[in-house]
């Protein structure tokens, strides 16, 4: 089961009484929990759920006799959507990286990778010049299984390029989530299945041409995100999708949401 990083979905007021804790978030969200001595430990424990601490670690802060009850409370509050998982930005862990370019895209070799000194970890950047989503999803699965953060960039769409957010193995959306959203808004969603089947059959994929000025922006976005990963505090740009439009070189950024139906990461809990 994927790791949970619980935090309240909204700011809430805690009301306590004998064996009772009520959580009030505005007029429409009210939850009352009861149990022997609940008011003596639950409010303080809930206040410590910050979206950055794994649930198992948070449970470990309690006396052993309380942990089973706290786990049941957490399950109930997740079911009520009072507790949600922290975002990728919530669980940001500063790390100095150098880019490790992966894939065989024609434009990738000249991407600045930064210093590769002994204190820097490699950050895989899977670079594409085709619409081979099957290969990208395989790489996504490898990184999920290995617990490795990574980046994705492609010029395959030809009229635009995508530079993905920093994908984390234990929080936030994965590439499968992002492609699921692409498919939902696409005027030709069946094309995704057709491309995947073509790739699995070993069919060739034509590389897309892309103008040098736009390629330069893609390379710099990758290098910039590798630098942002070392920042002590999460930077919004690191966890957003960037789109480079060929027509006018406009760069836009977009939030990427977890897909609750994602077959790759299970939609996270």
Protein backbone atom coordinates (compact mmCIF):
# COMPACT_ATOMS: atom_id res chain seq x y z
CA UNK A 1 0.00 0.00 0.00
CA UNK A 2 1.42 3.46 -0.86
CA UNK A 3 2.65 5.57 2.04
CA UNK A 4 0.13 7.98 3.55
CA UNK A 5 1.17 11.51 4.53
CA UNK A 6 -2.00 12.71 6.28
CA UNK A 7 -3.07 16.29 6.84
CA UNK A 8 -6.49 17.91 7.42
CA UNK A 9 -8.25 19.03 4.26
CA UNK A 10 -9.34 22.27 5.97
CA UNK A 11 -8.51 24.34 9.04
CA UNK A 12 -10.69 23.07 11.88
CA UNK A 13 -11.78 23.89 15.42
CA UNK A 14 -11.59 21.14 18.03
CA UNK A 15 -14.33 20.80 20.63
CA UNK A 16 -13.88 18.29 23.44
CA UNK A 17 -16.05 16.70 26.10
CA UNK A 18 -15.89 13.53 28.17
CA UNK A 19 -14.83 10.74 25.76
CA UNK A 20 -15.75 12.99 22.81
CA UNK A 21 -13.89 15.01 20.19
CA UNK A 22 -15.73 17.13 17.61
CA UNK A 23 -13.94 18.57 14.58
CA UNK A 24 -15.62 21.60 13.02
CA UNK A 25 -14.56 23.11 9.69
CA UNK A 26 -17.10 25.79 8.84
CA UNK A 27 -20.80 25.05 9.05
CA UNK A 28 -20.90 22.17 6.62
CA UNK A 29 -18.11 19.88 7.85
CA UNK A 30 -18.55 18.48 11.34
CA UNK A 31 -17.23 15.19 12.62
CA UNK A 32 -17.74 13.79 16.10
CA UNK A 33 -15.70 10.86 17.37
CA UNK A 34 -16.21 9.06 20.64
CA UNK A 35 -14.16 6.63 22.68
CA UNK A 36 -12.76 6.20 26.17
CA UNK A 37 -10.37 9.03 26.96
CA UNK A 38 -10.34 10.22 23.33
CA UNK A 39 -10.23 13.89 24.34
CA UNK A 40 -6.96 13.35 26.26
CA UNK A 41 -4.80 12.50 23.21
CA UNK A 42 -6.60 12.83 19.86
CA UNK A 43 -6.61 16.67 19.49
CA UNK A 44 -2.86 16.96 20.00
CA UNK A 45 -2.17 14.02 17.68
CA UNK A 46 -4.34 15.42 14.88
CA UNK A 47 -2.65 18.81 15.23
CA UNK A 48 0.66 17.14 14.40
CA UNK A 49 -0.52 15.73 11.05
CA UNK A 50 1.19 18.11 8.64
CA UNK A 51 1.15 16.30 5.28
CA UNK A 52 4.91 15.66 5.55
CA UNK A 53 5.02 12.94 8.17
CA UNK A 54 4.20 9.33 7.14
CA UNK A 55 1.21 7.92 8.97
CA UNK A 56 3.27 5.07 10.45
CA UNK A 57 5.71 7.58 11.93
CA UNK A 58 2.85 9.67 13.34
CA UNK A 59 1.34 6.56 14.91
CA UNK A 60 4.71 5.73 16.40
CA UNK A 61 4.61 8.96 18.40
CA UNK A 62 1.72 7.57 20.44
CA UNK A 63 1.89 5.05 23.25
CA UNK A 64 1.50 1.52 21.90
CA UNK A 65 -1.94 1.18 23.51
CA UNK A 66 -3.26 4.15 21.48
CA UNK A 67 -1.98 3.20 18.03
CA UNK A 68 -4.74 0.84 16.94
CA UNK A 69 -7.40 3.40 17.88
CA UNK A 70 -5.52 6.19 16.13
CA UNK A 71 -5.17 4.07 12.97
CA UNK A 72 -8.94 3.44 12.97
CA UNK A 73 -9.61 7.16 13.44
CA UNK A 74 -7.29 7.98 10.54
CA UNK A 75 -9.03 5.45 8.27
CA UNK A 76 -12.40 6.93 9.15
CA UNK A 77 -11.28 10.52 8.57
CA UNK A 78 -9.67 9.55 5.24
CA UNK A 79 -12.99 7.98 4.25
CA UNK A 80 -14.80 11.20 5.15
CA UNK A 81 -12.20 13.24 3.24
CA UNK A 82 -11.39 15.14 6.40
CA UNK A 83 -7.84 13.80 6.11
CA UNK A 84 -6.10 13.92 2.75
CA UNK A 85 -2.59 13.09 1.63
CA UNK A 86 0.03 15.81 1.59
CA UNK A 87 0.98 17.07 -1.86
CA UNK A 88 4.38 16.58 -3.45
CA UNK A 89 5.25 20.11 -2.29
CA UNK A 90 4.23 19.21 1.28
CA UNK A 91 6.71 16.33 1.38
CA UNK A 92 9.50 18.24 -0.40
CA UNK A 93 12.89 16.89 0.66
CA UNK A 94 15.75 19.19 -0.35
CA UNK A 95 18.35 17.30 -2.35
CA UNK A 96 21.24 18.49 -4.50
CA UNK A 97 21.15 16.73 -7.88
CA UNK A 98 22.87 16.59 -11.20
CA UNK A 99 20.74 15.70 -14.20
CA UNK A 100 21.13 12.20 -15.57
CA UNK A 101 19.71 12.37 -19.08
CA UNK A 102 17.87 9.23 -20.16
CA UNK A 103 16.20 8.23 -23.40
CA UNK A 104 17.48 8.67 -26.94
CA UNK A 105 15.86 11.97 -27.96
CA UNK A 106 17.94 13.78 -30.56
CA UNK A 107 17.87 17.03 -28.57
CA UNK A 108 18.82 15.57 -25.16
CA UNK A 109 22.65 15.27 -25.30
CA UNK A 110 23.24 19.03 -25.06
CA UNK A 111 21.07 19.46 -21.96
CA UNK A 112 23.11 21.07 -19.13
CA UNK A 113 23.46 18.51 -16.37
CA UNK A 114 25.36 20.50 -13.76
CA UNK A 115 28.20 19.31 -11.56
CA UNK A 116 28.33 15.57 -10.89
CA UNK A 117 30.41 15.79 -7.71
CA UNK A 118 30.28 13.08 -5.05
CA UNK A 119 27.74 15.02 -2.95
CA UNK A 120 25.17 15.18 -5.74
CA UNK A 121 22.67 12.46 -6.52
CA UNK A 122 21.71 11.74 -10.13
CA UNK A 123 18.22 12.94 -11.05
CA UNK A 124 16.93 10.94 -14.03
CA UNK A 125 15.44 13.10 -16.78
CA UNK A 126 13.64 10.95 -19.37
CA UNK A 127 13.78 12.91 -22.64
CA UNK A 128 11.65 12.09 -25.67
CA UNK A 129 11.19 13.30 -29.23
CA UNK A 130 8.28 10.97 -30.09
CA UNK A 131 4.82 10.13 -28.77
CA UNK A 132 6.05 6.87 -27.27
CA UNK A 133 4.00 7.08 -24.09
CA UNK A 134 4.54 3.36 -23.48
CA UNK A 135 8.28 3.95 -23.00
CA UNK A 136 7.61 6.89 -20.69
CA UNK A 137 5.23 4.81 -18.58
CA UNK A 138 7.77 2.01 -18.33
CA UNK A 139 10.29 4.51 -17.02
CA UNK A 140 7.65 5.85 -14.63
CA UNK A 141 7.09 2.33 -13.30
CA UNK A 142 10.85 1.75 -12.87
CA UNK A 143 11.16 4.93 -10.81
CA UNK A 144 8.09 4.13 -8.69
CA UNK A 145 9.47 0.66 -7.94
CA UNK A 146 12.96 1.98 -7.20
CA UNK A 147 11.73 4.90 -5.06
CA UNK A 148 13.46 7.40 -7.36
CA UNK A 149 12.36 10.99 -8.09
CA UNK A 150 12.58 11.90 -11.78
CA UNK A 151 11.74 14.41 -14.51
CA UNK A 152 10.15 14.00 -17.93
CA UNK A 153 10.43 16.22 -21.00
CA UNK A 154 9.15 15.64 -24.52
CA UNK A 155 8.99 17.53 -27.80
CA UNK A 156 6.94 14.68 -29.32
CA UNK A 157 3.72 16.74 -29.65
CA UNK A 158 5.74 18.91 -32.14
CA UNK A 159 3.65 22.08 -31.75
CA UNK A 160 4.54 22.23 -28.07
CA UNK A 161 6.84 20.62 -25.54
CA UNK A 162 6.09 19.36 -22.07
CA UNK A 163 8.43 19.53 -19.09
CA UNK A 164 6.83 17.64 -16.25
CA UNK A 165 6.92 18.29 -12.54
CA UNK A 166 9.38 16.54 -10.28
CA UNK A 167 7.68 13.17 -9.91
CA UNK A 168 8.08 11.67 -6.44
CA UNK A 169 7.75 7.94 -5.78
CA UNK A 170 5.65 8.31 -2.62
CA UNK A 171 3.57 11.49 -3.00
CA UNK A 172 1.86 13.65 -5.56
CA UNK A 173 0.92 12.61 -9.09
CA UNK A 174 2.94 10.25 -11.28
CA UNK A 175 3.32 10.37 -15.04
CA UNK A 176 0.36 7.99 -15.36
CA UNK A 177 -1.80 10.60 -13.59
CA UNK A 178 -0.62 13.31 -15.98
CA UNK A 179 -1.22 11.23 -19.11
CA UNK A 180 -4.65 10.25 -17.76
CA UNK A 181 -5.57 13.93 -17.62
CA UNK A 182 -4.17 14.49 -21.11
CA UNK A 183 -6.36 11.69 -22.39
CA UNK A 184 -9.51 13.08 -20.75
CA UNK A 185 -9.15 16.48 -22.41
CA UNK A 186 -7.92 15.16 -25.76
CA UNK A 187 -10.23 15.43 -28.81
CA UNK A 188 -8.89 12.02 -29.86
CA UNK A 189 -8.49 9.97 -26.65
CA UNK A 190 -8.36 6.67 -28.54
CA UNK A 191 -5.07 7.80 -30.05
CA UNK A 192 -3.34 7.09 -26.73
CA UNK A 193 -4.37 3.42 -26.87
CA UNK A 194 -3.38 3.18 -30.52
CA UNK A 195 0.07 4.68 -29.89
CA UNK A 196 0.63 2.36 -26.93
CA UNK A 197 -0.38 -0.72 -28.92
CA UNK A 198 1.88 0.39 -31.79
CA UNK A 199 4.84 0.78 -29.44
CA UNK A 200 4.23 -2.57 -27.75
CA UNK A 201 4.20 -4.21 -31.19
CA UNK A 202 7.63 -2.75 -31.91
CA UNK A 203 6.38 -0.26 -34.48
CA UNK A 204 8.63 2.69 -35.35
CA UNK A 205 7.95 6.15 -33.94
CA UNK A 206 8.82 9.21 -36.02
CA UNK A 207 10.87 11.83 -34.12
CA UNK A 208 9.32 15.28 -34.13
CA UNK A 209 11.26 18.29 -35.42
CA UNK A 210 11.50 21.17 -32.98
CA UNK A 211 13.06 24.62 -33.42
CA UNK A 212 16.34 25.30 -31.67
CA UNK A 213 15.10 28.29 -29.60
CA UNK A 214 12.27 26.19 -28.14
CA UNK A 215 14.62 23.27 -27.48
CA UNK A 216 16.85 25.67 -25.56
CA UNK A 217 13.93 26.59 -23.30
CA UNK A 218 13.16 22.91 -22.64
CA UNK A 219 16.77 22.23 -21.69
CA UNK A 220 16.92 25.21 -19.37
CA UNK A 221 13.64 24.23 -17.69
CA UNK A 222 15.07 20.80 -16.91
CA UNK A 223 18.27 22.29 -15.50
CA UNK A 224 16.28 24.85 -13.48
CA UNK A 225 14.08 22.19 -11.92
CA UNK A 226 17.11 20.15 -10.91
CA UNK A 227 18.40 23.27 -9.11
CA UNK A 228 15.02 23.94 -7.46
CA UNK A 229 15.05 20.45 -5.98
CA UNK A 230 17.84 21.58 -3.64
CA UNK A 231 15.88 24.57 -2.26
CA UNK A 232 15.11 24.28 1.47
CA UNK A 233 11.46 25.15 0.88
CA UNK A 234 9.27 23.75 -1.88
CA UNK A 235 9.00 26.00 -4.94
CA UNK A 236 5.72 25.85 -6.81
CA UNK A 237 7.43 25.69 -10.21
CA UNK A 238 9.19 22.46 -9.31
CA UNK A 239 5.93 20.58 -8.96
CA UNK A 240 4.08 22.03 -11.96
CA UNK A 241 3.88 21.04 -15.62
CA UNK A 242 5.48 23.55 -17.99
CA UNK A 243 4.32 23.82 -21.59
CA UNK A 244 6.44 25.50 -24.27
CA UNK A 245 4.44 26.63 -27.32
CA UNK A 246 6.39 26.63 -30.58
CA UNK A 247 4.27 29.32 -32.25
CA UNK A 248 5.24 32.13 -29.88
CA UNK A 249 7.64 30.50 -27.38
CA UNK A 250 5.13 31.17 -24.61
CA UNK A 251 5.79 29.12 -21.47
CA UNK A 252 2.85 28.31 -19.22
CA UNK A 253 2.66 26.30 -16.03
CA UNK A 254 -0.14 24.06 -14.82
CA UNK A 255 -0.89 22.22 -11.62
CA UNK A 256 -0.91 18.44 -11.97
CA UNK A 257 -3.49 16.53 -9.95
CA UNK A 258 -3.43 12.98 -8.68
CA UNK A 259 -5.70 10.80 -10.81
CA UNK A 260 -7.75 8.67 -8.37
CA UNK A 261 -8.10 6.05 -11.12
CA UNK A 262 -4.44 5.99 -12.14
CA UNK A 263 -3.41 2.37 -12.87
CA UNK A 264 0.27 3.22 -12.30
CA UNK A 265 0.33 4.66 -8.77
CA UNK A 266 -3.11 3.49 -7.63
CA UNK A 267 -4.30 7.09 -7.36
CA UNK A 268 -2.34 7.36 -4.09
CA UNK A 269 -4.39 6.84 -0.91
